[in-house]
N, C-alpha and C. Protein backbone atom coordinates (compact mmCIF):
# COMPACT_ATOMS: atom_id res chain seq x y z
N UNK A 1 -20.87 17.49 29.06
CA UNK A 1 -20.77 16.15 28.48
C UNK A 1 -19.42 15.56 28.88
N UNK A 2 -19.44 14.38 29.41
CA UNK A 2 -18.19 13.74 29.81
C UNK A 2 -17.48 13.17 28.60
N UNK A 3 -16.20 12.85 28.78
CA UNK A 3 -15.42 12.26 27.70
C UNK A 3 -16.03 10.94 27.25
N UNK A 4 -16.56 10.17 28.19
CA UNK A 4 -17.16 8.87 27.86
C UNK A 4 -18.42 9.07 27.01
N UNK A 5 -19.27 10.03 27.38
CA UNK A 5 -20.47 10.28 26.60
C UNK A 5 -20.12 10.73 25.19
N UNK A 6 -19.10 11.55 25.06
CA UNK A 6 -18.67 11.99 23.74
C UNK A 6 -18.18 10.81 22.92
N UNK A 7 -17.48 9.88 23.56
CA UNK A 7 -16.96 8.72 22.87
C UNK A 7 -18.08 7.80 22.40
N UNK A 8 -19.15 7.70 23.19
CA UNK A 8 -20.25 6.80 22.84
C UNK A 8 -20.86 7.16 21.49
N UNK A 9 -20.79 8.40 21.06
CA UNK A 9 -21.36 8.83 19.79
C UNK A 9 -20.55 8.31 18.60
N UNK A 10 -19.28 8.00 18.80
CA UNK A 10 -18.43 7.51 17.72
C UNK A 10 -18.62 6.01 17.60
N UNK A 11 -18.92 5.56 16.41
CA UNK A 11 -19.14 4.14 16.18
C UNK A 11 -17.88 3.52 15.61
N UNK A 12 -17.35 2.52 16.30
CA UNK A 12 -16.21 1.79 15.75
C UNK A 12 -16.70 0.46 15.20
N UNK A 13 -16.12 0.08 14.09
CA UNK A 13 -16.41 -1.19 13.43
C UNK A 13 -15.08 -1.79 13.05
N UNK A 14 -15.03 -3.11 12.88
CA UNK A 14 -13.75 -3.72 12.48
C UNK A 14 -13.23 -3.18 11.14
N UNK A 15 -14.09 -3.00 10.15
CA UNK A 15 -13.67 -2.50 8.83
C UNK A 15 -12.39 -3.17 8.34
N UNK A 16 -12.26 -4.46 8.61
CA UNK A 16 -11.00 -5.15 8.31
C UNK A 16 -10.65 -5.07 6.83
N UNK A 17 -11.61 -5.31 5.97
CA UNK A 17 -11.34 -5.25 4.53
C UNK A 17 -10.86 -3.87 4.10
N UNK A 18 -11.58 -2.84 4.53
CA UNK A 18 -11.18 -1.48 4.17
C UNK A 18 -9.83 -1.10 4.76
N UNK A 19 -9.59 -1.52 6.00
CA UNK A 19 -8.32 -1.19 6.64
C UNK A 19 -7.16 -1.91 5.96
N UNK A 20 -7.39 -3.15 5.52
CA UNK A 20 -6.33 -3.88 4.81
C UNK A 20 -6.03 -3.22 3.47
N UNK A 21 -7.06 -2.83 2.74
CA UNK A 21 -6.86 -2.17 1.44
C UNK A 21 -6.16 -0.83 1.65
N UNK A 22 -6.57 -0.08 2.66
CA UNK A 22 -5.93 1.21 2.94
C UNK A 22 -4.45 1.02 3.24
N UNK A 23 -4.12 0.05 4.08
CA UNK A 23 -2.72 -0.24 4.39
C UNK A 23 -1.96 -0.70 3.16
N UNK A 24 -2.60 -1.50 2.32
CA UNK A 24 -1.97 -1.98 1.09
C UNK A 24 -1.66 -0.81 0.16
N UNK A 25 -2.61 0.10 0.01
CA UNK A 25 -2.38 1.30 -0.83
C UNK A 25 -1.19 2.09 -0.29
N UNK A 26 -1.20 2.35 1.01
CA UNK A 26 -0.12 3.13 1.62
C UNK A 26 1.24 2.46 1.40
N UNK A 27 1.32 1.17 1.68
CA UNK A 27 2.61 0.51 1.60
C UNK A 27 3.03 0.16 0.17
N UNK A 28 2.12 0.06 -0.76
CA UNK A 28 2.51 -0.07 -2.18
C UNK A 28 3.20 1.22 -2.61
N UNK A 29 2.63 2.36 -2.23
CA UNK A 29 3.26 3.64 -2.56
C UNK A 29 4.64 3.78 -1.91
N UNK A 30 4.73 3.39 -0.64
CA UNK A 30 6.00 3.49 0.08
C UNK A 30 7.04 2.56 -0.52
N UNK A 31 6.69 1.30 -0.77
CA UNK A 31 7.64 0.35 -1.34
C UNK A 31 8.02 0.71 -2.77
N UNK A 32 7.08 1.24 -3.54
CA UNK A 32 7.40 1.68 -4.91
C UNK A 32 8.47 2.78 -4.85
N UNK A 33 8.30 3.72 -3.93
CA UNK A 33 9.32 4.76 -3.78
C UNK A 33 10.65 4.15 -3.36
N UNK A 34 10.62 3.24 -2.37
CA UNK A 34 11.86 2.61 -1.91
C UNK A 34 12.61 1.97 -3.07
N UNK A 35 11.92 1.15 -3.84
CA UNK A 35 12.59 0.44 -4.94
C UNK A 35 13.09 1.40 -6.00
N UNK A 36 12.27 2.39 -6.37
CA UNK A 36 12.71 3.39 -7.35
C UNK A 36 13.93 4.14 -6.83
N UNK A 37 13.88 4.55 -5.59
CA UNK A 37 14.98 5.32 -5.00
C UNK A 37 16.27 4.49 -4.95
N UNK A 38 16.17 3.25 -4.51
CA UNK A 38 17.36 2.41 -4.41
C UNK A 38 17.99 2.19 -5.77
N UNK A 39 17.19 1.95 -6.79
CA UNK A 39 17.75 1.73 -8.13
C UNK A 39 18.24 3.02 -8.77
N UNK A 40 17.61 4.15 -8.45
CA UNK A 40 18.02 5.42 -9.03
C UNK A 40 19.25 6.00 -8.36
N UNK A 41 19.37 5.84 -7.04
CA UNK A 41 20.44 6.48 -6.28
C UNK A 41 21.51 5.49 -5.83
N UNK A 42 21.11 4.24 -5.64
CA UNK A 42 22.02 3.24 -5.09
C UNK A 42 23.15 2.86 -6.04
N UNK A 43 24.13 2.24 -5.45
CA UNK A 43 25.30 1.76 -6.20
C UNK A 43 25.25 0.24 -6.24
N UNK A 44 25.72 -0.32 -7.35
CA UNK A 44 25.78 -1.77 -7.49
C UNK A 44 26.72 -2.34 -6.44
N UNK A 45 26.26 -3.38 -5.73
CA UNK A 45 27.10 -3.97 -4.69
C UNK A 45 27.67 -5.31 -5.15
N UNK A 46 28.47 -5.94 -4.32
CA UNK A 46 29.16 -7.19 -4.67
C UNK A 46 28.19 -8.35 -4.91
N UNK A 47 27.00 -8.28 -4.34
CA UNK A 47 26.02 -9.35 -4.51
C UNK A 47 25.18 -9.18 -5.78
N UNK A 48 25.43 -8.13 -6.53
CA UNK A 48 24.67 -7.88 -7.75
C UNK A 48 23.43 -7.05 -7.52
N UNK A 49 23.19 -6.61 -6.31
CA UNK A 49 22.05 -5.76 -6.00
C UNK A 49 22.49 -4.32 -5.85
N UNK A 50 21.61 -3.50 -5.40
CA UNK A 50 21.91 -2.09 -5.21
C UNK A 50 21.87 -1.75 -3.72
N UNK A 51 22.75 -0.84 -3.33
CA UNK A 51 22.83 -0.41 -1.93
C UNK A 51 22.87 1.11 -1.87
N UNK A 52 22.27 1.63 -0.83
CA UNK A 52 22.33 3.05 -0.54
C UNK A 52 22.97 3.18 0.83
N UNK A 53 24.02 3.98 0.92
CA UNK A 53 24.77 4.11 2.18
C UNK A 53 24.84 5.57 2.61
N UNK A 54 25.23 5.77 3.84
CA UNK A 54 25.45 7.11 4.37
C UNK A 54 24.15 7.88 4.55
N UNK A 55 24.24 9.19 4.41
CA UNK A 55 23.08 10.05 4.61
C UNK A 55 21.96 9.76 3.62
N UNK A 56 22.30 9.28 2.44
CA UNK A 56 21.27 8.97 1.44
C UNK A 56 20.33 7.86 1.90
N UNK A 57 20.76 7.04 2.84
CA UNK A 57 19.90 5.96 3.33
C UNK A 57 18.80 6.47 4.25
N UNK A 58 18.85 7.72 4.65
CA UNK A 58 17.82 8.31 5.50
C UNK A 58 16.59 8.72 4.69
N UNK A 59 16.78 8.99 3.40
CA UNK A 59 15.68 9.48 2.56
C UNK A 59 14.47 8.55 2.57
N UNK A 60 14.61 7.23 2.40
CA UNK A 60 13.42 6.37 2.46
C UNK A 60 12.71 6.40 3.82
N UNK A 61 13.46 6.55 4.89
CA UNK A 61 12.86 6.63 6.22
C UNK A 61 12.05 7.92 6.35
N UNK A 62 12.60 9.01 5.84
CA UNK A 62 11.88 10.29 5.85
C UNK A 62 10.62 10.19 5.00
N UNK A 63 10.72 9.54 3.84
CA UNK A 63 9.55 9.37 2.97
C UNK A 63 8.47 8.57 3.69
N UNK A 64 8.86 7.48 4.36
CA UNK A 64 7.91 6.69 5.12
C UNK A 64 7.22 7.56 6.17
N UNK A 65 7.99 8.37 6.87
CA UNK A 65 7.43 9.25 7.90
C UNK A 65 6.44 10.25 7.34
N UNK A 66 6.75 10.80 6.18
CA UNK A 66 5.84 11.76 5.54
C UNK A 66 4.55 11.07 5.11
N UNK A 67 4.68 9.89 4.48
CA UNK A 67 3.51 9.18 3.95
C UNK A 67 2.59 8.64 5.05
N UNK A 68 3.12 8.39 6.21
CA UNK A 68 2.29 7.85 7.29
C UNK A 68 2.00 8.94 8.33
N UNK A 69 2.98 9.30 9.08
CA UNK A 69 2.81 10.26 10.17
C UNK A 69 2.48 11.65 9.63
N UNK A 70 3.24 12.10 8.65
CA UNK A 70 3.04 13.44 8.10
C UNK A 70 1.64 13.66 7.55
N UNK A 71 1.16 12.69 6.79
CA UNK A 71 -0.19 12.82 6.22
C UNK A 71 -1.25 12.79 7.31
N UNK A 72 -1.08 11.92 8.32
CA UNK A 72 -2.08 11.84 9.39
C UNK A 72 -2.15 13.13 10.20
N UNK A 73 -1.01 13.73 10.51
CA UNK A 73 -1.06 14.96 11.30
C UNK A 73 -1.31 16.19 10.43
N UNK A 74 -1.03 16.07 9.14
CA UNK A 74 -1.22 17.21 8.24
C UNK A 74 -2.61 17.31 7.64
N UNK A 75 -3.09 16.22 7.04
CA UNK A 75 -4.40 16.26 6.39
C UNK A 75 -5.43 15.37 7.08
N UNK A 76 -5.02 14.67 8.13
CA UNK A 76 -5.96 13.91 8.92
C UNK A 76 -6.08 12.43 8.58
N UNK A 77 -5.38 11.97 7.53
CA UNK A 77 -5.44 10.56 7.16
C UNK A 77 -4.33 10.25 6.17
N UNK A 78 -3.93 8.99 6.13
CA UNK A 78 -2.99 8.55 5.09
C UNK A 78 -3.74 8.50 3.77
N UNK A 79 -3.02 8.36 2.67
CA UNK A 79 -3.66 8.30 1.36
C UNK A 79 -4.64 7.12 1.28
N UNK A 80 -4.22 5.96 1.78
CA UNK A 80 -5.10 4.80 1.77
C UNK A 80 -6.37 5.03 2.56
N UNK A 81 -6.25 5.62 3.74
CA UNK A 81 -7.43 5.91 4.55
C UNK A 81 -8.32 6.95 3.89
N UNK A 82 -7.72 7.95 3.23
CA UNK A 82 -8.52 8.94 2.51
C UNK A 82 -9.36 8.28 1.43
N UNK A 83 -8.74 7.40 0.65
CA UNK A 83 -9.43 6.73 -0.44
C UNK A 83 -10.57 5.87 0.08
N UNK A 84 -10.36 5.20 1.20
CA UNK A 84 -11.36 4.28 1.76
C UNK A 84 -12.33 4.94 2.73
N UNK A 85 -12.18 6.24 2.97
CA UNK A 85 -13.10 6.95 3.84
C UNK A 85 -12.93 6.63 5.32
N UNK A 86 -11.69 6.34 5.73
CA UNK A 86 -11.40 6.03 7.13
C UNK A 86 -10.58 7.16 7.74
N UNK A 87 -10.66 7.26 9.05
CA UNK A 87 -9.87 8.28 9.75
C UNK A 87 -9.47 7.75 11.12
N UNK A 88 -8.20 7.92 11.46
CA UNK A 88 -7.71 7.59 12.80
C UNK A 88 -7.91 8.82 13.67
N UNK A 89 -8.51 8.59 14.83
CA UNK A 89 -8.75 9.68 15.78
C UNK A 89 -8.34 9.20 17.16
N UNK A 90 -8.20 10.11 18.12
CA UNK A 90 -7.87 9.69 19.49
C UNK A 90 -8.94 8.76 20.05
N UNK A 91 -8.54 7.90 20.94
CA UNK A 91 -9.45 6.95 21.59
C UNK A 91 -10.60 7.65 22.30
N UNK A 92 -10.40 8.89 22.70
CA UNK A 92 -11.44 9.66 23.38
C UNK A 92 -12.64 9.91 22.48
N UNK A 93 -12.48 9.74 21.17
CA UNK A 93 -13.57 9.95 20.24
C UNK A 93 -13.67 11.36 19.71
N UNK A 94 -12.77 12.23 20.12
CA UNK A 94 -12.79 13.61 19.64
C UNK A 94 -12.35 13.61 18.18
N UNK A 95 -13.13 14.26 17.32
CA UNK A 95 -12.83 14.32 15.89
C UNK A 95 -11.77 15.40 15.66
N UNK A 96 -10.52 14.96 15.70
CA UNK A 96 -9.40 15.87 15.41
C UNK A 96 -8.28 15.07 14.78
N UNK A 97 -7.33 15.79 14.18
CA UNK A 97 -6.15 15.13 13.64
C UNK A 97 -5.31 14.59 14.79
N UNK A 98 -4.59 13.51 14.51
CA UNK A 98 -3.72 12.93 15.53
C UNK A 98 -2.53 13.83 15.78
N UNK A 99 -1.98 13.74 16.97
CA UNK A 99 -0.73 14.43 17.28
C UNK A 99 0.42 13.63 16.69
N UNK A 100 1.59 14.23 16.66
CA UNK A 100 2.77 13.52 16.17
C UNK A 100 3.01 12.25 16.97
N UNK A 101 2.93 12.34 18.28
CA UNK A 101 3.17 11.19 19.15
C UNK A 101 2.17 10.07 18.90
N UNK A 102 0.88 10.40 18.81
CA UNK A 102 -0.14 9.38 18.55
C UNK A 102 0.10 8.67 17.23
N UNK A 103 0.39 9.43 16.20
CA UNK A 103 0.60 8.84 14.88
C UNK A 103 1.90 8.04 14.82
N UNK A 104 2.95 8.55 15.43
CA UNK A 104 4.22 7.82 15.47
C UNK A 104 4.05 6.46 16.13
N UNK A 105 3.39 6.45 17.27
CA UNK A 105 3.17 5.18 17.98
C UNK A 105 2.37 4.21 17.12
N UNK A 106 1.32 4.70 16.44
CA UNK A 106 0.51 3.82 15.58
C UNK A 106 1.37 3.16 14.51
N UNK A 107 2.21 3.97 13.87
CA UNK A 107 2.92 3.47 12.69
C UNK A 107 4.24 2.78 13.01
N UNK A 108 4.83 3.04 14.16
CA UNK A 108 6.03 2.28 14.52
C UNK A 108 5.71 0.79 14.67
N UNK A 109 4.48 0.49 15.00
CA UNK A 109 4.09 -0.91 15.19
C UNK A 109 3.43 -1.52 13.95
N UNK A 110 3.45 -0.81 12.81
CA UNK A 110 2.93 -1.38 11.56
C UNK A 110 3.56 -2.74 11.23
N UNK A 111 4.88 -2.90 11.38
CA UNK A 111 5.46 -4.22 11.06
C UNK A 111 4.87 -5.35 11.91
N UNK A 112 4.55 -5.07 13.17
CA UNK A 112 3.94 -6.09 14.02
C UNK A 112 2.52 -6.38 13.55
N UNK A 113 1.76 -5.33 13.27
CA UNK A 113 0.38 -5.51 12.81
C UNK A 113 0.30 -6.21 11.46
N UNK A 114 1.30 -6.03 10.63
CA UNK A 114 1.29 -6.63 9.30
C UNK A 114 1.98 -8.00 9.25
N UNK A 115 2.49 -8.45 10.40
CA UNK A 115 3.19 -9.72 10.46
C UNK A 115 2.29 -10.85 9.98
N UNK A 116 2.87 -11.75 9.24
CA UNK A 116 2.19 -12.92 8.68
C UNK A 116 0.91 -12.50 7.94
N UNK A 117 1.11 -11.62 6.95
CA UNK A 117 0.04 -11.14 6.08
C UNK A 117 -1.08 -10.43 6.85
N UNK A 118 -0.72 -9.74 7.90
CA UNK A 118 -1.67 -8.95 8.67
C UNK A 118 -2.44 -9.70 9.73
N UNK A 119 -2.07 -10.94 9.97
CA UNK A 119 -2.81 -11.77 10.92
C UNK A 119 -2.83 -11.16 12.32
N UNK A 120 -1.72 -10.60 12.76
CA UNK A 120 -1.67 -9.99 14.10
C UNK A 120 -2.66 -8.83 14.18
N UNK A 121 -2.65 -7.96 13.17
CA UNK A 121 -3.58 -6.83 13.15
C UNK A 121 -5.03 -7.27 13.09
N UNK A 122 -5.32 -8.25 12.25
CA UNK A 122 -6.69 -8.75 12.10
C UNK A 122 -7.19 -9.32 13.42
N UNK A 123 -6.38 -10.17 14.04
CA UNK A 123 -6.80 -10.78 15.31
C UNK A 123 -6.99 -9.73 16.40
N UNK A 124 -6.12 -8.74 16.42
CA UNK A 124 -6.24 -7.69 17.44
C UNK A 124 -7.49 -6.85 17.20
N UNK A 125 -7.75 -6.50 15.94
CA UNK A 125 -8.94 -5.71 15.61
C UNK A 125 -10.21 -6.48 16.00
N UNK A 126 -10.23 -7.76 15.69
CA UNK A 126 -11.43 -8.57 15.98
C UNK A 126 -11.63 -8.81 17.47
N UNK A 127 -10.57 -8.76 18.26
CA UNK A 127 -10.67 -9.13 19.67
C UNK A 127 -10.52 -7.97 20.66
N UNK A 128 -10.61 -6.75 20.19
CA UNK A 128 -10.60 -5.61 21.10
C UNK A 128 -11.95 -4.90 21.02
N UNK A 129 -12.38 -4.35 22.12
CA UNK A 129 -13.69 -3.70 22.18
C UNK A 129 -13.84 -2.56 21.18
N UNK A 130 -12.76 -1.83 20.94
CA UNK A 130 -12.83 -0.67 20.05
C UNK A 130 -12.22 -0.95 18.68
N UNK A 131 -12.06 -2.22 18.34
CA UNK A 131 -11.52 -2.62 17.04
C UNK A 131 -10.17 -1.98 16.74
N UNK A 132 -9.27 -2.09 17.71
CA UNK A 132 -7.94 -1.49 17.58
C UNK A 132 -6.91 -2.54 17.23
N UNK A 133 -5.96 -2.15 16.41
CA UNK A 133 -4.81 -3.01 16.16
C UNK A 133 -3.75 -2.68 17.20
N UNK A 134 -2.63 -3.38 17.18
CA UNK A 134 -1.59 -3.17 18.20
C UNK A 134 -1.12 -1.72 18.21
N UNK A 135 -0.88 -1.14 17.04
CA UNK A 135 -0.45 0.26 16.96
C UNK A 135 -1.47 1.22 17.54
N UNK A 136 -2.75 0.93 17.31
CA UNK A 136 -3.81 1.77 17.88
C UNK A 136 -3.84 1.67 19.40
N UNK A 137 -3.62 0.47 19.92
CA UNK A 137 -3.61 0.30 21.37
C UNK A 137 -2.51 1.14 22.01
N UNK A 138 -1.31 1.08 21.43
CA UNK A 138 -0.19 1.84 21.99
C UNK A 138 -0.39 3.35 21.80
N UNK A 139 -0.89 3.73 20.64
CA UNK A 139 -1.08 5.15 20.36
C UNK A 139 -2.36 5.74 20.93
N UNK A 140 -3.19 4.88 21.58
CA UNK A 140 -4.47 5.33 22.15
C UNK A 140 -5.36 5.97 21.07
N UNK A 141 -5.50 5.25 19.93
CA UNK A 141 -6.29 5.75 18.81
C UNK A 141 -7.31 4.71 18.37
N UNK A 142 -8.28 5.15 17.61
CA UNK A 142 -9.26 4.27 16.97
C UNK A 142 -9.38 4.69 15.51
N UNK A 143 -9.86 3.78 14.68
CA UNK A 143 -10.10 4.09 13.28
C UNK A 143 -11.59 3.97 13.03
N UNK A 144 -12.16 5.03 12.46
CA UNK A 144 -13.60 5.09 12.21
C UNK A 144 -13.86 5.49 10.77
N UNK A 145 -15.07 5.22 10.31
CA UNK A 145 -15.49 5.71 9.01
C UNK A 145 -15.76 7.21 9.13
N UNK A 146 -15.31 7.98 8.15
CA UNK A 146 -15.53 9.43 8.21
C UNK A 146 -17.00 9.77 8.29
N UNK A 147 -17.83 8.95 7.65
CA UNK A 147 -19.28 9.23 7.64
C UNK A 147 -19.89 9.12 9.04
N UNK A 148 -19.22 8.44 9.96
CA UNK A 148 -19.73 8.30 11.34
C UNK A 148 -19.29 9.44 12.25
N UNK A 149 -18.49 10.36 11.72
CA UNK A 149 -18.02 11.50 12.52
C UNK A 149 -18.98 12.67 12.38
N UNK A 150 -19.07 13.47 13.43
CA UNK A 150 -19.93 14.66 13.39
C UNK A 150 -19.31 15.74 12.57
């Protein structure tokens, strides 16, 4: 069986609503941690807000990495995708967990995909043959419903 034939068995759909909710769940958790962490660990600054400096400022970045990349390579999906029954897999259609590189590329471009309330991601998903957002295009991944996987 060729790679193309194997890919044909995987059905991609836009799933825009589910993908938006999954991203919202993931980033609500991430932002909740950020705000809690900054207020719990940060110091009051001259502007009346809180700041985290030095090595302590790396903790939110590590948390983001665990919640996005770590979960995808560890359990096969982010929390939002798990709840919504979605899974990111390689563009080849092989049902496996993403590699670190694939997941990193997908999520480094989250800010671009979420720009202007997700308009960039929505337009990209609707206008690509495999319903990929910008991060998926760079990471060579697709997002499918788990029920469509073998």
